[in-house]
């Protein structure tokens, strides 16, 4: 995220996700 106004704060967000799904019924 990037903003032209100097007072605002840009950011970089790094995400990682691991999921296991099991069909119970």
PDBML (XML) file of the C-alpha atoms, coordinates in Angstrom:
<?xml version="1.0" encoding="UTF-8" ?>
<PDBx:datablock datablockName="MODEL"
   xmlns:PDBx="http://pdbml.pdb.org/schema/pdbx-v50.xsd"
   xmlns:xsi="http://www.w3.org/2001/XMLSchema-instance"
   xsi:schemaLocation="http://pdbml.pdb.org/schema/pdbx-v50.xsd pdbx-v50.xsd">
   <PDBx:atom_siteCategory>
      <PDBx:atom_site id="1">
         <PDBx:B_iso_or_equiv>0.00</PDBx:B_iso_or_equiv>
         <PDBx:Cartn_x>0.000</PDBx:Cartn_x>
         <PDBx:Cartn_y>0.000</PDBx:Cartn_y>
         <PDBx:Cartn_z>0.000</PDBx:Cartn_z>
         <PDBx:auth_asym_id>A</PDBx:auth_asym_id>
         <PDBx:auth_atom_id>CA</PDBx:auth_atom_id>
         <PDBx:auth_comp_id>UNK</PDBx:auth_comp_id>
         <PDBx:auth_seq_id>1</PDBx:auth_seq_id>
         <PDBx:group_PDB>ATOM</PDBx:group_PDB>
         <PDBx:label_alt_id xsi:nil="true" />
         <PDBx:label_asym_id>A</PDBx:label_asym_id>
         <PDBx:label_atom_id>CA</PDBx:label_atom_id>
         <PDBx:label_comp_id>UNK</PDBx:label_comp_id>
         <PDBx:label_entity_id>1</PDBx:label_entity_id>
         <PDBx:label_seq_id>1</PDBx:label_seq_id>
         <PDBx:occupancy>1.00</PDBx:occupancy>
         <PDBx:pdbx_PDB_model_num>1</PDBx:pdbx_PDB_model_num>
         <PDBx:type_symbol>C</PDBx:type_symbol>
      </PDBx:atom_site>
      <PDBx:atom_site id="2">
         <PDBx:B_iso_or_equiv>0.00</PDBx:B_iso_or_equiv>
         <PDBx:Cartn_x>1.301</PDBx:Cartn_x>
         <PDBx:Cartn_y>3.426</PDBx:Cartn_y>
         <PDBx:Cartn_z>-0.976</PDBx:Cartn_z>
         <PDBx:auth_asym_id>A</PDBx:auth_asym_id>
         <PDBx:auth_atom_id>CA</PDBx:auth_atom_id>
         <PDBx:auth_comp_id>UNK</PDBx:auth_comp_id>
         <PDBx:auth_seq_id>2</PDBx:auth_seq_id>
         <PDBx:group_PDB>ATOM</PDBx:group_PDB>
         <PDBx:label_alt_id xsi:nil="true" />
         <PDBx:label_asym_id>A</PDBx:label_asym_id>
         <PDBx:label_atom_id>CA</PDBx:label_atom_id>
         <PDBx:label_comp_id>UNK</PDBx:label_comp_id>
         <PDBx:label_entity_id>1</PDBx:label_entity_id>
         <PDBx:label_seq_id>2</PDBx:label_seq_id>
         <PDBx:occupancy>1.00</PDBx:occupancy>
         <PDBx:pdbx_PDB_model_num>1</PDBx:pdbx_PDB_model_num>
         <PDBx:type_symbol>C</PDBx:type_symbol>
      </PDBx:atom_site>
      <PDBx:atom_site id="3">
         <PDBx:B_iso_or_equiv>0.00</PDBx:B_iso_or_equiv>
         <PDBx:Cartn_x>-0.057</PDBx:Cartn_x>
         <PDBx:Cartn_y>6.941</PDBx:Cartn_y>
         <PDBx:Cartn_z>-0.364</PDBx:Cartn_z>
         <PDBx:auth_asym_id>A</PDBx:auth_asym_id>
         <PDBx:auth_atom_id>CA</PDBx:auth_atom_id>
         <PDBx:auth_comp_id>UNK</PDBx:auth_comp_id>
         <PDBx:auth_seq_id>3</PDBx:auth_seq_id>
         <PDBx:group_PDB>ATOM</PDBx:group_PDB>
         <PDBx:label_alt_id xsi:nil="true" />
         <PDBx:label_asym_id>A</PDBx:label_asym_id>
         <PDBx:label_atom_id>CA</PDBx:label_atom_id>
         <PDBx:label_comp_id>UNK</PDBx:label_comp_id>
         <PDBx:label_entity_id>1</PDBx:label_entity_id>
         <PDBx:label_seq_id>3</PDBx:label_seq_id>
         <PDBx:occupancy>1.00</PDBx:occupancy>
         <PDBx:pdbx_PDB_model_num>1</PDBx:pdbx_PDB_model_num>
         <PDBx:type_symbol>C</PDBx:type_symbol>
      </PDBx:atom_site>
      <PDBx:atom_site id="4">
         <PDBx:B_iso_or_equiv>0.00</PDBx:B_iso_or_equiv>
         <PDBx:Cartn_x>0.843</PDBx:Cartn_x>
         <PDBx:Cartn_y>10.232</PDBx:Cartn_y>
         <PDBx:Cartn_z>-1.996</PDBx:Cartn_z>
         <PDBx:auth_asym_id>A</PDBx:auth_asym_id>
         <PDBx:auth_atom_id>CA</PDBx:auth_atom_id>
         <PDBx:auth_comp_id>UNK</PDBx:auth_comp_id>
         <PDBx:auth_seq_id>4</PDBx:auth_seq_id>
         <PDBx:group_PDB>ATOM</PDBx:group_PDB>
         <PDBx:label_alt_id xsi:nil="true" />
         <PDBx:label_asym_id>A</PDBx:label_asym_id>
         <PDBx:label_atom_id>CA</PDBx:label_atom_id>
         <PDBx:label_comp_id>UNK</PDBx:label_comp_id>
         <PDBx:label_entity_id>1</PDBx:label_entity_id>
         <PDBx:label_seq_id>4</PDBx:label_seq_id>
         <PDBx:occupancy>1.00</PDBx:occupancy>
         <PDBx:pdbx_PDB_model_num>1</PDBx:pdbx_PDB_model_num>
         <PDBx:type_symbol>C</PDBx:type_symbol>
      </PDBx:atom_site>
      <PDBx:atom_site id="5">
         <PDBx:B_iso_or_equiv>0.00</PDBx:B_iso_or_equiv>
         <PDBx:Cartn_x>0.317</PDBx:Cartn_x>
         <PDBx:Cartn_y>12.276</PDBx:Cartn_y>
         <PDBx:Cartn_z>1.191</PDBx:Cartn_z>
         <PDBx:auth_asym_id>A</PDBx:auth_asym_id>
         <PDBx:auth_atom_id>CA</PDBx:auth_atom_id>
         <PDBx:auth_comp_id>UNK</PDBx:auth_comp_id>
         <PDBx:auth_seq_id>5</PDBx:auth_seq_id>
         <PDBx:group_PDB>ATOM</PDBx:group_PDB>
         <PDBx:label_alt_id xsi:nil="true" />
         <PDBx:label_asym_id>A</PDBx:label_asym_id>
         <PDBx:label_atom_id>CA</PDBx:label_atom_id>
         <PDBx:label_comp_id>UNK</PDBx:label_comp_id>
         <PDBx:label_entity_id>1</PDBx:label_entity_id>
         <PDBx:label_seq_id>5</PDBx:label_seq_id>
         <PDBx:occupancy>1.00</PDBx:occupancy>
         <PDBx:pdbx_PDB_model_num>1</PDBx:pdbx_PDB_model_num>
         <PDBx:type_symbol>C</PDBx:type_symbol>
      </PDBx:atom_site>
      <PDBx:atom_site id="6">
         <PDBx:B_iso_or_equiv>0.00</PDBx:B_iso_or_equiv>
         <PDBx:Cartn_x>3.488</PDBx:Cartn_x>
         <PDBx:Cartn_y>12.250</PDBx:Cartn_y>
         <PDBx:Cartn_z>3.324</PDBx:Cartn_z>
         <PDBx:auth_asym_id>A</PDBx:auth_asym_id>
         <PDBx:auth_atom_id>CA</PDBx:auth_atom_id>
         <PDBx:auth_comp_id>UNK</PDBx:auth_comp_id>
         <PDBx:auth_seq_id>6</PDBx:auth_seq_id>
         <PDBx:group_PDB>ATOM</PDBx:group_PDB>
         <PDBx:label_alt_id xsi:nil="true" />
         <PDBx:label_asym_id>A</PDBx:label_asym_id>
         <PDBx:label_atom_id>CA</PDBx:label_atom_id>
         <PDBx:label_comp_id>UNK</PDBx:label_comp_id>
         <PDBx:label_entity_id>1</PDBx:label_entity_id>
         <PDBx:label_seq_id>6</PDBx:label_seq_id>
         <PDBx:occupancy>1.00</PDBx:occupancy>
         <PDBx:pdbx_PDB_model_num>1</PDBx:pdbx_PDB_model_num>
         <PDBx:type_symbol>C</PDBx:type_symbol>
      </PDBx:atom_site>
      <PDBx:atom_site id="7">
         <PDBx:B_iso_or_equiv>0.00</PDBx:B_iso_or_equiv>
         <PDBx:Cartn_x>1.504</PDBx:Cartn_x>
         <PDBx:Cartn_y>12.158</PDBx:Cartn_y>
         <PDBx:Cartn_z>6.576</PDBx:Cartn_z>
         <PDBx:auth_asym_id>A</PDBx:auth_asym_id>
         <PDBx:auth_atom_id>CA</PDBx:auth_atom_id>
         <PDBx:auth_comp_id>UNK</PDBx:auth_comp_id>
         <PDBx:auth_seq_id>7</PDBx:auth_seq_id>
         <PDBx:group_PDB>ATOM</PDBx:group_PDB>
         <PDBx:label_alt_id xsi:nil="true" />
         <PDBx:label_asym_id>A</PDBx:label_asym_id>
         <PDBx:label_atom_id>CA</PDBx:label_atom_id>
         <PDBx:label_comp_id>UNK</PDBx:label_comp_id>
         <PDBx:label_entity_id>1</PDBx:label_entity_id>
         <PDBx:label_seq_id>7</PDBx:label_seq_id>
         <PDBx:occupancy>1.00</PDBx:occupancy>
         <PDBx:pdbx_PDB_model_num>1</PDBx:pdbx_PDB_model_num>
         <PDBx:type_symbol>C</PDBx:type_symbol>
      </PDBx:atom_site>
      <PDBx:atom_site id="8">
         <PDBx:B_iso_or_equiv>0.00</PDBx:B_iso_or_equiv>
         <PDBx:Cartn_x>-0.027</PDBx:Cartn_x>
         <PDBx:Cartn_y>8.800</PDBx:Cartn_y>
         <PDBx:Cartn_z>5.678</PDBx:Cartn_z>
         <PDBx:auth_asym_id>A</PDBx:auth_asym_id>
         <PDBx:auth_atom_id>CA</PDBx:auth_atom_id>
         <PDBx:auth_comp_id>UNK</PDBx:auth_comp_id>
         <PDBx:auth_seq_id>8</PDBx:auth_seq_id>
         <PDBx:group_PDB>ATOM</PDBx:group_PDB>
         <PDBx:label_alt_id xsi:nil="true" />
         <PDBx:label_asym_id>A</PDBx:label_asym_id>
         <PDBx:label_atom_id>CA</PDBx:label_atom_id>
         <PDBx:label_comp_id>UNK</PDBx:label_comp_id>
         <PDBx:label_entity_id>1</PDBx:label_entity_id>
         <PDBx:label_seq_id>8</PDBx:label_seq_id>
         <PDBx:occupancy>1.00</PDBx:occupancy>
         <PDBx:pdbx_PDB_model_num>1</PDBx:pdbx_PDB_model_num>
         <PDBx:type_symbol>C</PDBx:type_symbol>
      </PDBx:atom_site>
      <PDBx:atom_site id="9">
         <PDBx:B_iso_or_equiv>0.00</PDBx:B_iso_or_equiv>
         <PDBx:Cartn_x>1.860</PDBx:Cartn_x>
         <PDBx:Cartn_y>5.543</PDBx:Cartn_y>
         <PDBx:Cartn_z>6.144</PDBx:Cartn_z>
         <PDBx:auth_asym_id>A</PDBx:auth_asym_id>
         <PDBx:auth_atom_id>CA</PDBx:auth_atom_id>
         <PDBx:auth_comp_id>UNK</PDBx:auth_comp_id>
         <PDBx:auth_seq_id>9</PDBx:auth_seq_id>
         <PDBx:group_PDB>ATOM</PDBx:group_PDB>
         <PDBx:label_alt_id xsi:nil="true" />
         <PDBx:label_asym_id>A</PDBx:label_asym_id>
         <PDBx:label_atom_id>CA</PDBx:label_atom_id>
         <PDBx:label_comp_id>UNK</PDBx:label_comp_id>
         <PDBx:label_entity_id>1</PDBx:label_entity_id>
         <PDBx:label_seq_id>9</PDBx:label_seq_id>
         <PDBx:occupancy>1.00</PDBx:occupancy>
         <PDBx:pdbx_PDB_model_num>1</PDBx:pdbx_PDB_model_num>
         <PDBx:type_symbol>C</PDBx:type_symbol>
      </PDBx:atom_site>
      <PDBx:atom_site id="10">
         <PDBx:B_iso_or_equiv>0.00</PDBx:B_iso_or_equiv>
         <PDBx:Cartn_x>2.372</PDBx:Cartn_x>
         <PDBx:Cartn_y>3.014</PDBx:Cartn_y>
         <PDBx:Cartn_z>3.412</PDBx:Cartn_z>
         <PDBx:auth_asym_id>A</PDBx:auth_asym_id>
         <PDBx:auth_atom_id>CA</PDBx:auth_atom_id>
         <PDBx:auth_comp_id>UNK</PDBx:auth_comp_id>
         <PDBx:auth_seq_id>10</PDBx:auth_seq_id>
         <PDBx:group_PDB>ATOM</PDBx:group_PDB>
         <PDBx:label_alt_id xsi:nil="true" />
         <PDBx:label_asym_id>A</PDBx:label_asym_id>
         <PDBx:label_atom_id>CA</PDBx:label_atom_id>
         <PDBx:label_comp_id>UNK</PDBx:label_comp_id>
         <PDBx:label_entity_id>1</PDBx:label_entity_id>
         <PDBx:label_seq_id>10</PDBx:label_seq_id>
         <PDBx:occupancy>1.00</PDBx:occupancy>
         <PDBx:pdbx_PDB_model_num>1</PDBx:pdbx_PDB_model_num>
         <PDBx:type_symbol>C</PDBx:type_symbol>
      </PDBx:atom_site>
      <PDBx:atom_site id="11">
         <PDBx:B_iso_or_equiv>0.00</PDBx:B_iso_or_equiv>
         <PDBx:Cartn_x>2.917</PDBx:Cartn_x>
         <PDBx:Cartn_y>-0.624</PDBx:Cartn_y>
         <PDBx:Cartn_z>4.279</PDBx:Cartn_z>
         <PDBx:auth_asym_id>A</PDBx:auth_asym_id>
         <PDBx:auth_atom_id>CA</PDBx:auth_atom_id>
         <PDBx:auth_comp_id>UNK</PDBx:auth_comp_id>
         <PDBx:auth_seq_id>11</PDBx:auth_seq_id>
         <PDBx:group_PDB>ATOM</PDBx:group_PDB>
         <PDBx:label_alt_id xsi:nil="true" />
         <PDBx:label_asym_id>A</PDBx:label_asym_id>
         <PDBx:label_atom_id>CA</PDBx:label_atom_id>
         <PDBx:label_comp_id>UNK</PDBx:label_comp_id>
         <PDBx:label_entity_id>1</PDBx:label_entity_id>
         <PDBx:label_seq_id>11</PDBx:label_seq_id>
         <PDBx:occupancy>1.00</PDBx:occupancy>
         <PDBx:pdbx_PDB_model_num>1</PDBx:pdbx_PDB_model_num>
         <PDBx:type_symbol>C</PDBx:type_symbol>
      </PDBx:atom_site>
      <PDBx:atom_site id="12">
         <PDBx:B_iso_or_equiv>0.00</PDBx:B_iso_or_equiv>
         <PDBx:Cartn_x>4.017</PDBx:Cartn_x>
         <PDBx:Cartn_y>-4.044</PDBx:Cartn_y>
         <PDBx:Cartn_z>3.087</PDBx:Cartn_z>
         <PDBx:auth_asym_id>A</PDBx:auth_asym_id>
         <PDBx:auth_atom_id>CA</PDBx:auth_atom_id>
         <PDBx:auth_comp_id>UNK</PDBx:auth_comp_id>
         <PDBx:auth_seq_id>12</PDBx:auth_seq_id>
         <PDBx:group_PDB>ATOM</PDBx:group_PDB>
         <PDBx:label_alt_id xsi:nil="true" />
         <PDBx:label_asym_id>A</PDBx:label_asym_id>
         <PDBx:label_atom_id>CA</PDBx:label_atom_id>
         <PDBx:label_comp_id>UNK</PDBx:label_comp_id>
         <PDBx:label_entity_id>1</PDBx:label_entity_id>
         <PDBx:label_seq_id>12</PDBx:label_seq_id>
         <PDBx:occupancy>1.00</PDBx:occupancy>
         <PDBx:pdbx_PDB_model_num>1</PDBx:pdbx_PDB_model_num>
         <PDBx:type_symbol>C</PDBx:type_symbol>
      </PDBx:atom_site>
      <PDBx:atom_site id="13">
         <PDBx:B_iso_or_equiv>0.00</PDBx:B_iso_or_equiv>
         <PDBx:Cartn_x>2.186</PDBx:Cartn_x>
         <PDBx:Cartn_y>-7.023</PDBx:Cartn_y>
         <PDBx:Cartn_z>4.543</PDBx:Cartn_z>
         <PDBx:auth_asym_id>A</PDBx:auth_asym_id>
         <PDBx:auth_atom_id>CA</PDBx:auth_atom_id>
         <PDBx:auth_comp_id>UNK</PDBx:auth_comp_id>
         <PDBx:auth_seq_id>13</PDBx:auth_seq_id>
         <PDBx:group_PDB>ATOM</PDBx:group_PDB>
         <PDBx:label_alt_id xsi:nil="true" />
         <PDBx:label_asym_id>A</PDBx:label_asym_id>
         <PDBx:label_atom_id>CA</PDBx:label_atom_id>
         <PDBx:label_comp_id>UNK</PDBx:label_comp_id>
         <PDBx:label_entity_id>1</PDBx:label_entity_id>
         <PDBx:label_seq_id>13</PDBx:label_seq_id>
         <PDBx:occupancy>1.00</PDBx:occupancy>
         <PDBx:pdbx_PDB_model_num>1</PDBx:pdbx_PDB_model_num>
         <PDBx:type_symbol>C</PDBx:type_symbol>
      </PDBx:atom_site>
      <PDBx:atom_site id="14">
         <PDBx:B_iso_or_equiv>0.00</PDBx:B_iso_or_equiv>
         <PDBx:Cartn_x>3.502</PDBx:Cartn_x>
         <PDBx:Cartn_y>-10.562</PDBx:Cartn_y>
         <PDBx:Cartn_z>4.063</PDBx:Cartn_z>
         <PDBx:auth_asym_id>A</PDBx:auth_asym_id>
         <PDBx:auth_atom_id>CA</PDBx:auth_atom_id>
         <PDBx:auth_comp_id>UNK</PDBx:auth_comp_id>
         <PDBx:auth_seq_id>14</PDBx:auth_seq_id>
         <PDBx:group_PDB>ATOM</PDBx:group_PDB>
         <PDBx:label_alt_id xsi:nil="true" />
         <PDBx:label_asym_id>A</PDBx:label_asym_id>
         <PDBx:label_atom_id>CA</PDBx:label_atom_id>
         <PDBx:label_comp_id>UNK</PDBx:label_comp_id>
         <PDBx:label_entity_id>1</PDBx:label_entity_id>
         <PDBx:label_seq_id>14</PDBx:label_seq_id>
         <PDBx:occupancy>1.00</PDBx:occupancy>
         <PDBx:pdbx_PDB_model_num>1</PDBx:pdbx_PDB_model_num>
         <PDBx:type_symbol>C</PDBx:type_symbol>
      </PDBx:atom_site>
      <PDBx:atom_site id="15">
         <PDBx:B_iso_or_equiv>0.00</PDBx:B_iso_or_equiv>
         <PDBx:Cartn_x>1.140</PDBx:Cartn_x>
         <PDBx:Cartn_y>-13.459</PDBx:Cartn_y>
         <PDBx:Cartn_z>4.766</PDBx:Cartn_z>
         <PDBx:auth_asym_id>A</PDBx:auth_asym_id>
         <PDBx:auth_atom_id>CA</PDBx:auth_atom_id>
         <PDBx:auth_comp_id>UNK</PDBx:auth_comp_id>
         <PDBx:auth_seq_id>15</PDBx:auth_seq_id>
         <PDBx:group_PDB>ATOM</PDBx:group_PDB>
         <PDBx:label_alt_id xsi:nil="true" />
         <PDBx:label_asym_id>A</PDBx:label_asym_id>
         <PDBx:label_atom_id>CA</PDBx:label_atom_id>
         <PDBx:label_comp_id>UNK</PDBx:label_comp_id>
         <PDBx:label_entity_id>1</PDBx:label_entity_id>
         <PDBx:label_seq_id>15</PDBx:label_seq_id>
         <PDBx:occupancy>1.00</PDBx:occupancy>
         <PDBx:pdbx_PDB_model_num>1</PDBx:pdbx_PDB_model_num>
         <PDBx:type_symbol>C</PDBx:type_symbol>
      </PDBx:atom_site>
      <PDBx:atom_site id="16">
         <PDBx:B_iso_or_equiv>0.00</PDBx:B_iso_or_equiv>
         <PDBx:Cartn_x>1.497</PDBx:Cartn_x>
         <PDBx:Cartn_y>-17.213</PDBx:Cartn_y>
         <PDBx:Cartn_z>4.846</PDBx:Cartn_z>
         <PDBx:auth_asym_id>A</PDBx:auth_asym_id>
         <PDBx:auth_atom_id>CA</PDBx:auth_atom_id>
         <PDBx:auth_comp_id>UNK</PDBx:auth_comp_id>
         <PDBx:auth_seq_id>16</PDBx:auth_seq_id>
         <PDBx:group_PDB>ATOM</PDBx:group_PDB>
         <PDBx:label_alt_id xsi:nil="true" />
         <PDBx:label_asym_id>A</PDBx:label_asym_id>
         <PDBx:label_atom_id>CA</PDBx:label_atom_id>
         <PDBx:label_comp_id>UNK</PDBx:label_comp_id>
         <PDBx:label_entity_id>1</PDBx:label_entity_id>
         <PDBx:label_seq_id>16</PDBx:label_seq_id>
         <PDBx:occupancy>1.00</PDBx:occupancy>
         <PDBx:pdbx_PDB_model_num>1</PDBx:pdbx_PDB_model_num>
         <PDBx:type_symbol>C</PDBx:type_symbol>
      </PDBx:atom_site>
      <PDBx:atom_site id="17">
         <PDBx:B_iso_or_equiv>0.00</PDBx:B_iso_or_equiv>
         <PDBx:Cartn_x>-1.245</PDBx:Cartn_x>
         <PDBx:Cartn_y>-19.735</PDBx:Cartn_y>
         <PDBx:Cartn_z>5.561</PDBx:Cartn_z>
         <PDBx:auth_asym_id>A</PDBx:auth_asym_id>
         <PDBx:auth_atom_id>CA</PDBx:auth_atom_id>
         <PDBx:auth_comp_id>UNK</PDBx:auth_comp_id>
         <PDBx:auth_seq_id>17</PDBx:auth_seq_id>
         <PDBx:group_PDB>ATOM</PDBx:group_PDB>
         <PDBx:label_alt_id xsi:nil="true" />
         <PDBx:label_asym_id>A</PDBx:label_asym_id>
         <PDBx:label_atom_id>CA</PDBx:label_atom_id>
         <PDBx:label_comp_id>UNK</PDBx:label_comp_id>
         <PDBx:label_entity_id>1</PDBx:label_entity_id>
         <PDBx:label_seq_id>17</PDBx:label_seq_id>
         <PDBx:occupancy>1.00</PDBx:occupancy>
         <PDBx:pdbx_PDB_model_num>1</PDBx:pdbx_PDB_model_num>
         <PDBx:type_symbol>C</PDBx:type_symbol>
      </PDBx:atom_site>
      <PDBx:atom_site id="18">
         <PDBx:B_iso_or_equiv>0.00</PDBx:B_iso_or_equiv>
         <PDBx:Cartn_x>-1.352</PDBx:Cartn_x>
         <PDBx:Cartn_y>-23.516</PDBx:Cartn_y>
         <PDBx:Cartn_z>5.936</PDBx:Cartn_z>
         <PDBx:auth_asym_id>A</PDBx:auth_asym_id>
         <PDBx:auth_atom_id>CA</PDBx:auth_atom_id>
         <PDBx:auth_comp_id>UNK</PDBx:auth_comp_id>
         <PDBx:auth_seq_id>18</PDBx:auth_seq_id>
         <PDBx:group_PDB>ATOM</PDBx:group_PDB>
         <PDBx:label_alt_id xsi:nil="true" />
         <PDBx:label_asym_id>A</PDBx:label_asym_id>
         <PDBx:label_atom_id>CA</PDBx:label_atom_id>
         <PDBx:label_comp_id>UNK</PDBx:label_comp_id>
         <PDBx:label_entity_id>1</PDBx:label_entity_id>
         <PDBx:label_seq_id>18</PDBx:label_seq_id>
         <PDBx:occupancy>1.00</PDBx:occupancy>
         <PDBx:pdbx_PDB_model_num>1</PDBx:pdbx_PDB_model_num>
         <PDBx:type_symbol>C</PDBx:type_symbol>
      </PDBx:atom_site>
      <PDBx:atom_site id="19">
         <PDBx:B_iso_or_equiv>0.00</PDBx:B_iso_or_equiv>
         <PDBx:Cartn_x>-4.712</PDBx:Cartn_x>
         <PDBx:Cartn_y>-25.303</PDBx:Cartn_y>
         <PDBx:Cartn_z>6.209</PDBx:Cartn_z>
         <PDBx:auth_asym_id>A</PDBx:auth_asym_id>
         <PDBx:auth_atom_id>CA</PDBx:auth_atom_id>
         <PDBx:auth_comp_id>UNK</PDBx:auth_comp_id>
         <PDBx:auth_seq_id>19</PDBx:auth_seq_id>
         <PDBx:group_PDB>ATOM</PDBx:group_PDB>
         <PDBx:label_alt_id xsi:nil="true" />
         <PDBx:label_asym_id>A</PDBx:label_asym_id>
         <PDBx:label_atom_id>CA</PDBx:label_atom_id>
         <PDBx:label_comp_id>UNK</PDBx:label_comp_id>
         <PDBx:label_entity_id>1</PDBx:label_entity_id>
         <PDBx:label_seq_id>19</PDBx:label_seq_id>
         <PDBx:occupancy>1.00</PDBx:occupancy>
         <PDBx:pdbx_PDB_model_num>1</PDBx:pdbx_PDB_model_num>
         <PDBx:type_symbol>C</PDBx:type_symbol>
      </PDBx:atom_site>
      <PDBx:atom_site id="20">
         <PDBx:B_iso_or_equiv>0.00</PDBx:B_iso_or_equiv>
         <PDBx:Cartn_x>-5.846</PDBx:Cartn_x>
         <PDBx:Cartn_y>-28.926</PDBx:Cartn_y>
         <PDBx:Cartn_z>6.432</PDBx:Cartn_z>
         <PDBx:auth_asym_id>A</PDBx:auth_asym_id>
         <PDBx:auth_atom_id>CA</PDBx:auth_atom_id>
         <PDBx:auth_comp_id>UNK</PDBx:auth_comp_id>
         <PDBx:auth_seq_id>20</PDBx:auth_seq_id>
         <PDBx:group_PDB>ATOM</PDBx:group_PDB>
         <PDBx:label_alt_id xsi:nil="true" />
         <PDBx:label_asym_id>A</PDBx:label_asym_id>
         <PDBx:label_atom_id>CA</PDBx:label_atom_id>
         <PDBx:label_comp_id>UNK</PDBx:label_comp_id>
         <PDBx:label_entity_id>1</PDBx:label_entity_id>
         <PDBx:label_seq_id>20</PDBx:label_seq_id>
         <PDBx:occupancy>1.00</PDBx:occupancy>
         <PDBx:pdbx_PDB_model_num>1</PDBx:pdbx_PDB_model_num>
         <PDBx:type_symbol>C</PDBx:type_symbol>
      </PDBx:atom_site>
      <PDBx:atom_site id="21">
         <PDBx:B_iso_or_equiv>0.00</PDBx:B_iso_or_equiv>
         <PDBx:Cartn_x>-9.448</PDBx:Cartn_x>
         <PDBx:Cartn_y>-29.810</PDBx:Cartn_y>
         <PDBx:Cartn_z>5.651</PDBx:Cartn_z>
         <PDBx:auth_asym_id>A</PDBx:auth_asym_id>
         <PDBx:auth_atom_id>CA</PDBx:auth_atom_id>
         <PDBx:auth_comp_id>UNK</PDBx:auth_comp_id>
         <PDBx:auth_seq_id>21</PDBx:auth_seq_id>
         <PDBx:group_PDB>ATOM</PDBx:group_PDB>
         <PDBx:label_alt_id xsi:nil="true" />
         <PDBx:label_asym_id>A</PDBx:label_asym_id>
         <PDBx:label_atom_id>CA</PDBx:label_atom_id>
         <PDBx:label_comp_id>UNK</PDBx:label_comp_id>
         <PDBx:label_entity_id>1</PDBx:label_entity_id>
         <PDBx:label_seq_id>21</PDBx:label_seq_id>
         <PDBx:occupancy>1.00</PDBx:occupancy>
         <PDBx:pdbx_PDB_model_num>1</PDBx:pdbx_PDB_model_num>
         <PDBx:type_symbol>C</PDBx:type_symbol>
      </PDBx:atom_site>
      <PDBx:atom_site id="22">
         <PDBx:B_iso_or_equiv>0.00</PDBx:B_iso_or_equiv>
         <PDBx:Cartn_x>-10.939</PDBx:Cartn_x>
         <PDBx:Cartn_y>-33.182</PDBx:Cartn_y>
         <PDBx:Cartn_z>6.553</PDBx:Cartn_z>
         <PDBx:auth_asym_id>A</PDBx:auth_asym_id>
         <PDBx:auth_atom_id>CA</PDBx:auth_atom_id>
         <PDBx:auth_comp_id>UNK</PDBx:auth_comp_id>
         <PDBx:auth_seq_id>22</PDBx:auth_seq_id>
         <PDBx:group_PDB>ATOM</PDBx:group_PDB>
         <PDBx:label_alt_id xsi:nil="true" />
         <PDBx:label_asym_id>A</PDBx:label_asym_id>
         <PDBx:label_atom_id>CA</PDBx:label_atom_id>
         <PDBx:label_comp_id>UNK</PDBx:label_comp_id>
         <PDBx:label_entity_id>1</PDBx:label_entity_id>
         <PDBx:label_seq_id>22</PDBx:label_seq_id>
         <PDBx:occupancy>1.00</PDBx:occupancy>
         <PDBx:pdbx_PDB_model_num>1</PDBx:pdbx_PDB_model_num>
         <PDBx:type_symbol>C</PDBx:type_symbol>
      </PDBx:atom_site>
      <PDBx:atom_site id="23">
         <PDBx:B_iso_or_equiv>0.00</PDBx:B_iso_or_equiv>
         <PDBx:Cartn_x>-14.405</PDBx:Cartn_x>
         <PDBx:Cartn_y>-34.329</PDBx:Cartn_y>
         <PDBx:Cartn_z>5.520</PDBx:Cartn_z>
         <PDBx:auth_asym_id>A</PDBx:auth_asym_id>
         <PDBx:auth_atom_id>CA</PDBx:auth_atom_id>
         <PDBx:auth_comp_id>UNK</PDBx:auth_comp_id>
         <PDBx:auth_seq_id>23</PDBx:auth_seq_id>
         <PDBx:group_PDB>ATOM</PDBx:group_PDB>
         <PDBx:label_alt_id xsi:nil="true" />
         <PDBx:label_asym_id>A</PDBx:label_asym_id>
         <PDBx:label_atom_id>CA</PDBx:label_atom_id>
         <PDBx:label_comp_id>UNK</PDBx:label_comp_id>
         <PDBx:label_entity_id>1</PDBx:label_entity_id>
         <PDBx:label_seq_id>23</PDBx:label_seq_id>
         <PDBx:occupancy>1.00</PDBx:occupancy>
         <PDBx:pdbx_PDB_model_num>1</PDBx:pdbx_PDB_model_num>
         <PDBx:type_symbol>C</PDBx:type_symbol>
      </PDBx:atom_site>
      <PDBx:atom_site id="24">
         <PDBx:B_iso_or_equiv>0.00</PDBx:B_iso_or_equiv>
         <PDBx:Cartn_x>-15.929</PDBx:Cartn_x>
         <PDBx:Cartn_y>-35.718</PDBx:Cartn_y>
         <PDBx:Cartn_z>8.717</PDBx:Cartn_z>
         <PDBx:auth_asym_id>A</PDBx:auth_asym_id>
         <PDBx:auth_atom_id>CA</PDBx:auth_atom_id>
         <PDBx:auth_comp_id>UNK</PDBx:auth_comp_id>
         <PDBx:auth_seq_id>24</PDBx:auth_seq_id>
         <PDBx:group_PDB>ATOM</PDBx:group_PDB>
         <PDBx:label_alt_id xsi:nil="true" />
         <PDBx:label_asym_id>A</PDBx:label_asym_id>
         <PDBx:label_atom_id>CA</PDBx:label_atom_id>
         <PDBx:label_comp_id>UNK</PDBx:label_comp_id>
         <PDBx:label_entity_id>1</PDBx:label_entity_id>
         <PDBx:label_seq_id>24</PDBx:label_seq_id>
         <PDBx:occupancy>1.00</PDBx:occupancy>
         <PDBx:pdbx_PDB_model_num>1</PDBx:pdbx_PDB_model_num>
         <PDBx:type_symbol>C</PDBx:type_symbol>
      </PDBx:atom_site>
      <PDBx:atom_site id="25">
         <PDBx:B_iso_or_equiv>0.00</PDBx:B_iso_or_equiv>
         <PDBx:Cartn_x>-19.312</PDBx:Cartn_x>
         <PDBx:Cartn_y>-36.564</PDBx:Cartn_y>
         <PDBx:Cartn_z>7.206</PDBx:Cartn_z>
         <PDBx:auth_asym_id>A</PDBx:auth_asym_id>
         <PDBx:auth_atom_id>CA</PDBx:auth_atom_id>
         <PDBx:auth_comp_id>UNK</PDBx:auth_comp_id>
         <PDBx:auth_seq_id>25</PDBx:auth_seq_id>
         <PDBx:group_PDB>ATOM</PDBx:group_PDB>
         <PDBx:label_alt_id xsi:nil="true" />
         <PDBx:label_asym_id>A</PDBx:label_asym_id>
         <PDBx:label_atom_id>CA</PDBx:label_atom_id>
         <PDBx:label_comp_id>UNK</PDBx:label_comp_id>
         <PDBx:label_entity_id>1</PDBx:label_entity_id>
         <PDBx:label_seq_id>25</PDBx:label_seq_id>
         <PDBx:occupancy>1.00</PDBx:occupancy>
         <PDBx:pdbx_PDB_model_num>1</PDBx:pdbx_PDB_model_num>
         <PDBx:type_symbol>C</PDBx:type_symbol>
      </PDBx:atom_site>
   </PDBx:atom_siteCategory>
</PDBx:datablock>
